[in-house]
N, C-alpha and C. Protein backbone atom coordinates (compact mmCIF):
# COMPACT_ATOMS: atom_id res chain seq x y z
N UNK A 1 126.09 133.54 126.21
CA UNK A 1 126.86 134.77 126.21
C UNK A 1 126.84 135.34 127.62
N UNK A 2 127.99 135.50 128.16
CA UNK A 2 128.07 135.87 129.56
C UNK A 2 128.32 137.36 129.81
N UNK A 3 128.77 138.08 128.81
CA UNK A 3 129.04 139.51 128.96
C UNK A 3 128.15 140.31 128.02
N UNK A 4 127.99 141.57 128.36
CA UNK A 4 127.34 142.51 127.44
C UNK A 4 128.39 143.55 127.11
N UNK A 5 128.63 143.74 125.82
CA UNK A 5 129.67 144.64 125.34
C UNK A 5 129.02 145.82 124.62
N UNK A 6 129.35 147.01 125.06
CA UNK A 6 128.81 148.23 124.44
C UNK A 6 129.85 148.83 123.51
N UNK A 7 129.47 148.96 122.24
CA UNK A 7 130.34 149.61 121.27
C UNK A 7 129.61 150.82 120.72
N UNK A 8 130.34 151.71 120.09
CA UNK A 8 129.75 152.89 119.48
C UNK A 8 130.71 154.05 119.54
N UNK A 9 130.35 155.10 118.85
CA UNK A 9 131.16 156.29 118.76
C UNK A 9 131.24 156.98 120.12
N UNK A 10 132.22 157.85 120.28
CA UNK A 10 132.35 158.63 121.50
C UNK A 10 131.09 159.47 121.70
N UNK A 11 130.65 159.58 122.93
CA UNK A 11 129.52 160.45 123.23
C UNK A 11 128.14 159.84 123.04
N UNK A 12 128.06 158.53 122.76
CA UNK A 12 126.74 157.92 122.58
C UNK A 12 126.15 157.42 123.90
N UNK A 13 126.95 157.41 124.96
CA UNK A 13 126.44 157.03 126.28
C UNK A 13 126.92 155.70 126.80
N UNK A 14 128.00 155.16 126.26
CA UNK A 14 128.47 153.83 126.66
C UNK A 14 128.78 153.75 128.16
N UNK A 15 129.45 154.75 128.69
CA UNK A 15 129.83 154.71 130.12
C UNK A 15 128.60 154.80 131.01
N UNK A 16 127.76 155.76 130.75
CA UNK A 16 126.54 155.95 131.55
C UNK A 16 125.65 154.72 131.49
N UNK A 17 125.37 154.26 130.28
CA UNK A 17 124.51 153.09 130.09
C UNK A 17 125.16 151.84 130.67
N UNK A 18 126.46 151.70 130.47
CA UNK A 18 127.18 150.54 130.98
C UNK A 18 127.09 150.41 132.50
N UNK A 19 127.29 151.51 133.20
CA UNK A 19 127.22 151.48 134.67
C UNK A 19 125.81 151.13 135.14
N UNK A 20 124.81 151.74 134.53
CA UNK A 20 123.42 151.48 134.90
C UNK A 20 123.03 150.04 134.60
N UNK A 21 123.41 149.55 133.44
CA UNK A 21 123.11 148.18 133.04
C UNK A 21 123.77 147.18 133.98
N UNK A 22 125.03 147.41 134.30
CA UNK A 22 125.75 146.52 135.23
C UNK A 22 125.05 146.50 136.59
N UNK A 23 124.62 147.64 137.05
CA UNK A 23 123.91 147.72 138.32
C UNK A 23 122.61 146.92 138.29
N UNK A 24 121.85 147.07 137.23
CA UNK A 24 120.56 146.36 137.09
C UNK A 24 120.76 144.85 137.03
N UNK A 25 121.84 144.40 136.43
CA UNK A 25 122.09 142.96 136.27
C UNK A 25 122.96 142.37 137.38
N UNK A 26 123.46 143.22 138.28
CA UNK A 26 124.42 142.80 139.30
C UNK A 26 125.67 142.20 138.65
N UNK A 27 126.12 142.85 137.59
CA UNK A 27 127.33 142.47 136.86
C UNK A 27 128.46 143.42 137.25
N UNK A 28 129.67 143.02 136.93
CA UNK A 28 130.81 143.92 137.03
C UNK A 28 130.70 144.94 135.89
N UNK A 29 131.39 146.05 136.04
CA UNK A 29 131.45 147.03 134.95
C UNK A 29 132.91 147.38 134.70
N UNK A 30 133.31 147.36 133.43
CA UNK A 30 134.65 147.81 133.06
C UNK A 30 134.56 148.72 131.84
N UNK A 31 135.46 149.67 131.80
CA UNK A 31 135.56 150.62 130.69
C UNK A 31 136.97 150.46 130.12
N UNK A 32 137.07 150.05 128.86
CA UNK A 32 138.40 149.77 128.29
C UNK A 32 139.27 151.01 128.24
N UNK A 33 138.69 152.18 127.98
CA UNK A 33 139.51 153.40 127.97
C UNK A 33 140.12 153.67 129.34
N UNK A 34 139.30 153.51 130.39
CA UNK A 34 139.80 153.74 131.76
C UNK A 34 140.89 152.72 132.11
N UNK A 35 140.74 151.49 131.64
CA UNK A 35 141.76 150.48 131.92
C UNK A 35 143.07 150.79 131.22
N UNK A 36 143.01 151.29 129.98
CA UNK A 36 144.23 151.68 129.27
C UNK A 36 144.91 152.82 130.03
N UNK A 37 144.13 153.81 130.44
CA UNK A 37 144.70 154.95 131.17
C UNK A 37 145.35 154.49 132.48
N UNK A 38 144.67 153.63 133.20
CA UNK A 38 145.20 153.14 134.48
C UNK A 38 146.47 152.32 134.28
N UNK A 39 146.43 151.43 133.30
CA UNK A 39 147.57 150.54 133.05
C UNK A 39 148.82 151.31 132.64
N UNK A 40 148.66 152.41 131.91
CA UNK A 40 149.81 153.15 131.41
C UNK A 40 150.04 154.48 132.13
N UNK A 41 149.20 154.77 133.12
CA UNK A 41 149.41 155.92 133.98
C UNK A 41 149.32 157.27 133.29
N UNK A 42 148.50 157.35 132.25
CA UNK A 42 148.32 158.64 131.56
C UNK A 42 146.98 158.65 130.84
N UNK A 43 146.53 159.85 130.54
CA UNK A 43 145.25 160.00 129.85
C UNK A 43 145.37 159.58 128.39
N UNK A 44 144.24 159.32 127.78
CA UNK A 44 144.23 158.96 126.36
C UNK A 44 144.81 160.10 125.53
N UNK A 45 144.47 161.34 125.88
CA UNK A 45 145.00 162.49 125.15
C UNK A 45 146.52 162.51 125.21
N UNK A 46 147.09 162.20 126.37
CA UNK A 46 148.55 162.17 126.52
C UNK A 46 149.14 161.01 125.72
N UNK A 47 148.48 159.86 125.75
CA UNK A 47 148.96 158.71 124.96
C UNK A 47 149.01 159.09 123.49
N UNK A 48 147.93 159.68 122.97
CA UNK A 48 147.89 160.10 121.57
C UNK A 48 149.01 161.09 121.26
N UNK A 49 149.22 162.06 122.17
CA UNK A 49 150.23 163.10 121.94
C UNK A 49 151.65 162.53 121.97
N UNK A 50 151.92 161.64 122.93
CA UNK A 50 153.28 161.13 123.10
C UNK A 50 153.60 159.92 122.24
N UNK A 51 152.60 159.06 122.00
CA UNK A 51 152.88 157.79 121.33
C UNK A 51 152.12 157.59 120.02
N UNK A 52 151.07 158.37 119.81
CA UNK A 52 150.30 158.26 118.58
C UNK A 52 149.13 157.29 118.69
N UNK A 53 148.24 157.38 117.72
CA UNK A 53 147.04 156.56 117.73
C UNK A 53 147.36 155.07 117.61
N UNK A 54 148.31 154.71 116.78
CA UNK A 54 148.61 153.29 116.57
C UNK A 54 149.05 152.61 117.86
N UNK A 55 149.88 153.27 118.65
CA UNK A 55 150.30 152.69 119.93
C UNK A 55 149.11 152.57 120.88
N UNK A 56 148.27 153.61 120.89
CA UNK A 56 147.07 153.54 121.73
C UNK A 56 146.22 152.33 121.34
N UNK A 57 146.01 152.13 120.03
CA UNK A 57 145.19 151.01 119.56
C UNK A 57 145.78 149.66 119.97
N UNK A 58 147.11 149.57 119.97
CA UNK A 58 147.76 148.33 120.40
C UNK A 58 147.50 148.08 121.89
N UNK A 59 147.67 149.10 122.71
CA UNK A 59 147.42 148.96 124.14
C UNK A 59 145.94 148.66 124.40
N UNK A 60 145.10 149.28 123.61
CA UNK A 60 143.66 149.05 123.71
C UNK A 60 143.34 147.58 123.42
N UNK A 61 143.97 147.02 122.39
CA UNK A 61 143.74 145.62 122.03
C UNK A 61 144.19 144.68 123.15
N UNK A 62 145.28 145.01 123.81
CA UNK A 62 145.75 144.20 124.93
C UNK A 62 144.72 144.18 126.06
N UNK A 63 144.14 145.35 126.35
CA UNK A 63 143.11 145.44 127.38
C UNK A 63 141.86 144.67 126.96
N UNK A 64 141.47 144.78 125.70
CA UNK A 64 140.31 144.05 125.20
C UNK A 64 140.52 142.55 125.37
N UNK A 65 141.73 142.07 125.07
CA UNK A 65 142.03 140.64 125.23
C UNK A 65 141.83 140.21 126.68
N UNK A 66 142.23 141.05 127.62
CA UNK A 66 142.08 140.73 129.04
C UNK A 66 140.61 140.70 129.45
N UNK A 67 139.88 141.77 129.15
CA UNK A 67 138.49 141.87 129.61
C UNK A 67 137.56 140.92 128.88
N UNK A 68 137.93 140.50 127.69
CA UNK A 68 137.06 139.58 126.93
C UNK A 68 136.95 138.22 127.60
N UNK A 69 137.86 137.91 128.50
CA UNK A 69 137.83 136.65 129.23
C UNK A 69 136.97 136.74 130.49
N UNK A 70 136.46 137.91 130.79
CA UNK A 70 135.61 138.10 131.96
C UNK A 70 134.30 137.36 131.80
N UNK A 71 133.57 137.25 132.89
CA UNK A 71 132.22 136.71 132.86
C UNK A 71 131.34 137.61 133.71
N UNK A 72 130.05 137.67 133.30
CA UNK A 72 129.07 138.51 134.02
C UNK A 72 129.60 139.94 134.16
N UNK A 73 130.01 140.49 133.04
CA UNK A 73 130.58 141.83 133.01
C UNK A 73 129.96 142.64 131.89
N UNK A 74 129.68 143.90 132.19
CA UNK A 74 129.30 144.86 131.15
C UNK A 74 130.59 145.59 130.78
N UNK A 75 130.93 145.55 129.51
CA UNK A 75 132.18 146.13 129.02
C UNK A 75 131.85 147.31 128.12
N UNK A 76 132.25 148.51 128.54
CA UNK A 76 132.14 149.69 127.69
C UNK A 76 133.46 149.84 126.96
N UNK A 77 133.39 149.88 125.65
CA UNK A 77 134.62 149.97 124.86
C UNK A 77 134.84 151.38 124.36
N UNK A 78 136.08 151.67 124.03
CA UNK A 78 136.39 152.92 123.36
C UNK A 78 135.77 152.89 121.97
N UNK A 79 135.49 154.07 121.43
CA UNK A 79 134.82 154.16 120.14
C UNK A 79 135.54 153.47 119.00
N UNK A 80 136.85 153.32 119.10
CA UNK A 80 137.62 152.71 118.02
C UNK A 80 137.88 151.22 118.18
N UNK A 81 137.41 150.61 119.26
CA UNK A 81 137.66 149.18 119.48
C UNK A 81 137.22 148.32 118.29
N UNK A 82 136.04 148.56 117.71
CA UNK A 82 135.61 147.70 116.58
C UNK A 82 136.44 147.87 115.31
N UNK A 83 137.33 148.86 115.25
CA UNK A 83 138.14 149.07 114.06
C UNK A 83 139.11 147.92 113.81
N UNK A 84 139.42 147.19 114.87
CA UNK A 84 140.30 146.02 114.73
C UNK A 84 139.45 144.75 114.82
N UNK A 85 139.51 143.98 113.77
CA UNK A 85 138.73 142.74 113.68
C UNK A 85 139.02 141.83 114.87
N UNK A 86 140.27 141.76 115.28
CA UNK A 86 140.67 140.91 116.40
C UNK A 86 139.91 141.28 117.68
N UNK A 87 139.73 142.58 117.91
CA UNK A 87 138.99 143.02 119.10
C UNK A 87 137.57 142.45 119.10
N UNK A 88 136.91 142.54 117.97
CA UNK A 88 135.53 142.07 117.88
C UNK A 88 135.45 140.55 118.01
N UNK A 89 136.43 139.85 117.47
CA UNK A 89 136.46 138.39 117.62
C UNK A 89 136.59 138.01 119.09
N UNK A 90 137.47 138.71 119.80
CA UNK A 90 137.68 138.42 121.21
C UNK A 90 136.42 138.72 122.02
N UNK A 91 135.81 139.87 121.79
CA UNK A 91 134.64 140.27 122.56
C UNK A 91 133.42 139.41 122.25
N UNK A 92 133.30 138.97 121.02
CA UNK A 92 132.14 138.17 120.59
C UNK A 92 132.15 136.76 121.21
N UNK A 93 133.34 136.24 121.54
CA UNK A 93 133.42 134.88 122.09
C UNK A 93 132.52 134.69 123.31
N UNK A 94 132.50 135.65 124.19
CA UNK A 94 131.71 135.55 125.42
C UNK A 94 130.75 136.73 125.57
N UNK A 95 130.49 137.45 124.49
CA UNK A 95 129.72 138.66 124.66
C UNK A 95 128.59 138.87 123.68
N UNK A 96 127.57 139.55 124.18
CA UNK A 96 126.45 140.05 123.40
C UNK A 96 126.81 141.49 123.06
N UNK A 97 127.02 141.78 121.78
CA UNK A 97 127.52 143.09 121.36
C UNK A 97 126.35 144.04 121.08
N UNK A 98 126.35 145.18 121.75
CA UNK A 98 125.31 146.19 121.59
C UNK A 98 125.95 147.46 121.02
N UNK A 99 125.42 147.92 119.91
CA UNK A 99 125.89 149.15 119.28
C UNK A 99 125.00 150.29 119.73
N UNK A 100 125.54 151.19 120.55
CA UNK A 100 124.85 152.41 120.93
C UNK A 100 125.18 153.45 119.88
N UNK A 101 124.15 154.12 119.37
CA UNK A 101 124.39 155.10 118.32
C UNK A 101 123.65 156.39 118.61
N UNK A 102 124.11 157.44 117.97
CA UNK A 102 123.48 158.75 118.07
C UNK A 102 123.83 159.54 116.81
N UNK A 103 123.04 160.53 116.53
CA UNK A 103 123.29 161.38 115.37
C UNK A 103 124.49 162.29 115.67
N UNK A 104 125.14 162.74 114.61
CA UNK A 104 126.35 163.56 114.75
C UNK A 104 126.10 164.81 115.58
N UNK A 105 124.96 165.45 115.37
CA UNK A 105 124.64 166.66 116.14
C UNK A 105 124.52 166.37 117.62
N UNK A 106 123.92 165.27 117.96
CA UNK A 106 123.79 164.86 119.37
C UNK A 106 125.17 164.62 119.97
N UNK A 107 126.00 163.90 119.24
CA UNK A 107 127.36 163.61 119.73
C UNK A 107 128.13 164.91 119.93
N UNK A 108 128.03 165.80 118.97
CA UNK A 108 128.75 167.07 119.06
C UNK A 108 128.32 167.84 120.32
N UNK A 109 127.01 167.93 120.56
CA UNK A 109 126.52 168.67 121.74
C UNK A 109 126.88 167.98 123.05
N UNK A 110 126.84 166.66 123.05
CA UNK A 110 127.19 165.93 124.28
C UNK A 110 128.66 166.05 124.62
N UNK A 111 129.50 166.22 123.63
CA UNK A 111 130.95 166.18 123.86
C UNK A 111 131.63 167.53 123.68
N UNK A 112 130.87 168.58 123.44
CA UNK A 112 131.45 169.90 123.14
C UNK A 112 132.42 170.38 124.20
N UNK A 113 132.16 170.05 125.46
CA UNK A 113 133.03 170.55 126.54
C UNK A 113 134.16 169.58 126.89
N UNK A 114 134.21 168.44 126.24
CA UNK A 114 135.27 167.46 126.54
C UNK A 114 136.52 167.76 125.71
N UNK A 115 137.62 167.90 126.41
CA UNK A 115 138.88 168.17 125.71
C UNK A 115 139.85 167.00 125.88
N UNK A 116 139.36 165.92 126.48
CA UNK A 116 140.22 164.76 126.74
C UNK A 116 140.11 163.70 125.65
N UNK A 117 139.40 163.96 124.58
CA UNK A 117 139.23 163.01 123.48
C UNK A 117 139.82 163.60 122.21
N UNK A 118 141.01 163.16 121.83
CA UNK A 118 141.71 163.76 120.69
C UNK A 118 140.93 163.70 119.38
N UNK A 119 140.18 162.64 119.15
CA UNK A 119 139.48 162.52 117.88
C UNK A 119 138.18 163.32 117.83
N UNK A 120 137.79 163.93 118.95
CA UNK A 120 136.54 164.69 118.97
C UNK A 120 136.74 166.19 118.82
N UNK A 121 137.94 166.61 118.59
CA UNK A 121 138.18 168.05 118.41
C UNK A 121 137.84 168.44 116.97
N UNK A 122 136.59 168.19 116.60
CA UNK A 122 136.14 168.37 115.22
C UNK A 122 134.76 169.01 115.22
N UNK A 123 134.29 169.39 114.03
CA UNK A 123 132.94 169.92 113.92
C UNK A 123 131.96 168.81 113.57
N UNK A 124 130.68 169.16 113.47
CA UNK A 124 129.63 168.17 113.22
C UNK A 124 129.87 167.42 111.91
N UNK A 125 130.33 168.12 110.88
CA UNK A 125 130.54 167.48 109.58
C UNK A 125 131.65 166.44 109.63
N UNK A 126 132.68 166.71 110.38
CA UNK A 126 133.76 165.73 110.54
C UNK A 126 133.27 164.51 111.33
N UNK A 127 132.44 164.75 112.34
CA UNK A 127 131.87 163.64 113.10
C UNK A 127 130.99 162.79 112.20
N UNK A 128 130.19 163.43 111.34
CA UNK A 128 129.35 162.70 110.37
C UNK A 128 130.19 161.80 109.48
N UNK A 129 131.31 162.32 109.00
CA UNK A 129 132.21 161.53 108.15
C UNK A 129 132.78 160.34 108.90
N UNK A 130 133.20 160.58 110.14
CA UNK A 130 133.76 159.50 110.94
C UNK A 130 132.70 158.43 111.23
N UNK A 131 131.48 158.87 111.55
CA UNK A 131 130.39 157.92 111.80
C UNK A 131 130.11 157.07 110.56
N UNK A 132 130.04 157.72 109.41
CA UNK A 132 129.75 157.00 108.16
C UNK A 132 130.83 155.96 107.88
N UNK A 133 132.09 156.32 108.09
CA UNK A 133 133.18 155.38 107.85
C UNK A 133 133.17 154.23 108.86
N UNK A 134 132.90 154.53 110.12
CA UNK A 134 132.95 153.50 111.16
C UNK A 134 131.74 152.57 111.13
N UNK A 135 130.68 152.94 110.44
CA UNK A 135 129.47 152.12 110.39
C UNK A 135 129.78 150.70 109.93
N UNK A 136 130.70 150.54 109.02
CA UNK A 136 131.06 149.20 108.53
C UNK A 136 131.59 148.31 109.64
N UNK A 137 132.15 148.89 110.68
CA UNK A 137 132.68 148.13 111.80
C UNK A 137 131.62 147.91 112.88
N UNK A 138 130.78 148.93 113.10
CA UNK A 138 129.76 148.85 114.13
C UNK A 138 128.61 147.91 113.75
N UNK A 139 128.40 147.70 112.48
CA UNK A 139 127.23 146.92 112.05
C UNK A 139 127.31 145.44 112.41
N UNK A 140 128.41 144.99 112.97
CA UNK A 140 128.55 143.59 113.35
C UNK A 140 128.01 143.29 114.75
N UNK A 141 127.33 144.26 115.33
CA UNK A 141 126.74 144.07 116.66
C UNK A 141 125.53 143.14 116.58
N UNK A 142 125.19 142.53 117.70
CA UNK A 142 123.98 141.71 117.78
C UNK A 142 122.73 142.59 117.80
N UNK A 143 122.86 143.80 118.34
CA UNK A 143 121.72 144.69 118.55
C UNK A 143 122.22 146.13 118.46
N UNK A 144 121.38 147.00 117.93
CA UNK A 144 121.74 148.42 117.77
C UNK A 144 120.58 149.28 118.24
N UNK A 145 120.91 150.38 118.93
CA UNK A 145 119.87 151.26 119.43
C UNK A 145 120.34 152.72 119.41
N UNK A 146 119.46 153.62 118.95
CA UNK A 146 119.75 155.05 118.99
C UNK A 146 119.51 155.57 120.40
N UNK A 147 120.44 156.38 120.88
CA UNK A 147 120.35 156.91 122.25
C UNK A 147 119.90 158.37 122.28
N UNK A 148 119.68 158.98 121.12
CA UNK A 148 119.40 160.42 121.05
C UNK A 148 118.22 160.85 121.92
N UNK A 149 117.10 160.14 121.81
CA UNK A 149 115.86 160.62 122.44
C UNK A 149 115.35 159.73 123.56
N UNK A 150 116.16 158.76 123.97
CA UNK A 150 115.75 157.85 125.03
C UNK A 150 116.51 158.17 126.32
N UNK A 151 115.86 157.91 127.44
CA UNK A 151 116.54 158.09 128.73
C UNK A 151 117.48 156.90 128.93
N UNK A 152 118.47 157.04 129.81
CA UNK A 152 119.34 155.90 130.09
C UNK A 152 118.56 154.66 130.53
N UNK A 153 117.54 154.83 131.35
CA UNK A 153 116.77 153.69 131.81
C UNK A 153 116.02 153.02 130.66
N UNK A 154 115.46 153.80 129.74
CA UNK A 154 114.79 153.21 128.57
C UNK A 154 115.77 152.40 127.73
N UNK A 155 116.96 152.92 127.55
CA UNK A 155 117.99 152.22 126.77
C UNK A 155 118.36 150.90 127.44
N UNK A 156 118.57 150.95 128.75
CA UNK A 156 118.92 149.75 129.51
C UNK A 156 117.81 148.71 129.39
N UNK A 157 116.57 149.13 129.50
CA UNK A 157 115.45 148.19 129.37
C UNK A 157 115.43 147.53 128.00
N UNK A 158 115.68 148.31 126.95
CA UNK A 158 115.71 147.75 125.59
C UNK A 158 116.84 146.73 125.43
N UNK A 159 118.01 147.08 125.94
CA UNK A 159 119.15 146.17 125.86
C UNK A 159 118.82 144.87 126.58
N UNK A 160 118.28 144.97 127.79
CA UNK A 160 117.97 143.78 128.57
C UNK A 160 116.93 142.91 127.86
N UNK A 161 115.94 143.54 127.24
CA UNK A 161 114.91 142.81 126.51
C UNK A 161 115.53 141.99 125.38
N UNK A 162 116.34 142.63 124.55
CA UNK A 162 116.94 141.93 123.41
C UNK A 162 117.99 140.92 123.84
N UNK A 163 118.72 141.22 124.89
CA UNK A 163 119.72 140.30 125.40
C UNK A 163 119.06 139.02 125.90
N UNK A 164 117.99 139.18 126.68
CA UNK A 164 117.27 138.00 127.19
C UNK A 164 116.63 137.21 126.05
N UNK A 165 116.08 137.91 125.09
CA UNK A 165 115.49 137.25 123.93
C UNK A 165 116.55 136.45 123.17
N UNK A 166 117.73 137.01 123.04
CA UNK A 166 118.84 136.34 122.37
C UNK A 166 119.24 135.08 123.13
N UNK A 167 119.29 135.17 124.45
CA UNK A 167 119.65 134.00 125.26
C UNK A 167 118.61 132.89 125.11
N UNK A 168 117.32 133.25 125.08
CA UNK A 168 116.26 132.24 124.91
C UNK A 168 116.37 131.58 123.54
N UNK A 169 116.65 132.38 122.51
CA UNK A 169 116.78 131.84 121.15
C UNK A 169 117.96 130.87 121.08
N UNK A 170 119.05 131.22 121.75
CA UNK A 170 120.22 130.35 121.74
C UNK A 170 119.90 129.02 122.43
N UNK A 171 119.15 129.06 123.54
CA UNK A 171 118.78 127.84 124.24
C UNK A 171 117.88 126.97 123.38
N UNK A 172 116.93 127.59 122.67
CA UNK A 172 116.05 126.83 121.77
C UNK A 172 116.87 126.15 120.67
N UNK A 173 117.84 126.88 120.13
CA UNK A 173 118.69 126.33 119.07
C UNK A 173 119.50 125.14 119.59
N UNK A 174 120.05 125.28 120.78
CA UNK A 174 120.82 124.19 121.37
C UNK A 174 119.92 122.99 121.65
N UNK A 175 118.68 123.23 122.06
CA UNK A 175 117.72 122.15 122.31
C UNK A 175 117.39 121.38 121.03
N UNK A 176 117.28 122.10 119.92
CA UNK A 176 116.99 121.45 118.64
C UNK A 176 118.15 120.55 118.23
N UNK A 177 119.37 120.99 118.48
CA UNK A 177 120.53 120.18 118.12
C UNK A 177 120.53 118.88 118.92
N UNK A 178 120.20 118.98 120.18
CA UNK A 178 120.14 117.79 121.03
C UNK A 178 119.02 116.85 120.64
N UNK A 179 117.92 117.41 120.15
CA UNK A 179 116.77 116.60 119.76
C UNK A 179 117.08 115.73 118.55
N UNK A 180 118.04 116.10 117.75
CA UNK A 180 118.41 115.34 116.57
C UNK A 180 119.43 114.24 116.87
N UNK A 181 119.86 114.16 118.09
CA UNK A 181 120.87 113.16 118.47
C UNK A 181 120.25 111.77 118.55
N UNK A 182 120.91 110.81 117.97
CA UNK A 182 120.42 109.42 118.01
C UNK A 182 121.56 108.51 118.49
N UNK A 183 121.17 107.49 119.24
CA UNK A 183 122.15 106.51 119.73
C UNK A 183 122.28 105.36 118.75
């Protein structure tokens, strides 16, 4: 697995953690939301207002298809990327998927001053409902970690630990397959 992909709800720390993780690994860093905004020359809020969520999700999927072919890249995804099965299939091909999570109250406090996220203009109870519904999509990650009480550096260290462990396990598995080969 050549990429590390960060998924999770808005406000869990994907951008912050992604940049720090990329720096520690000397990887590239990309943010799918920023790429959609750059490619279409408008903010996500404007895209939602002018074209609707479905159009945004389509453009988001196009960006995911592009970045999923990267190598040695930390990819921070928009909170809704896992809602489309195709997105997860594309990202999983070359990626170790990490689900960053936080409690609804934490998300609400972290994002209270953000007005650029159309789906976050809600109260804590609405965020709880959205989290509960999206859990079915987020649970397909290789690794999951709560970000509420950990520093960014602690989170990065945990991700790196599990990512490296996963790589070693994959090598052991491949070695076993080769050991069964007979001429």
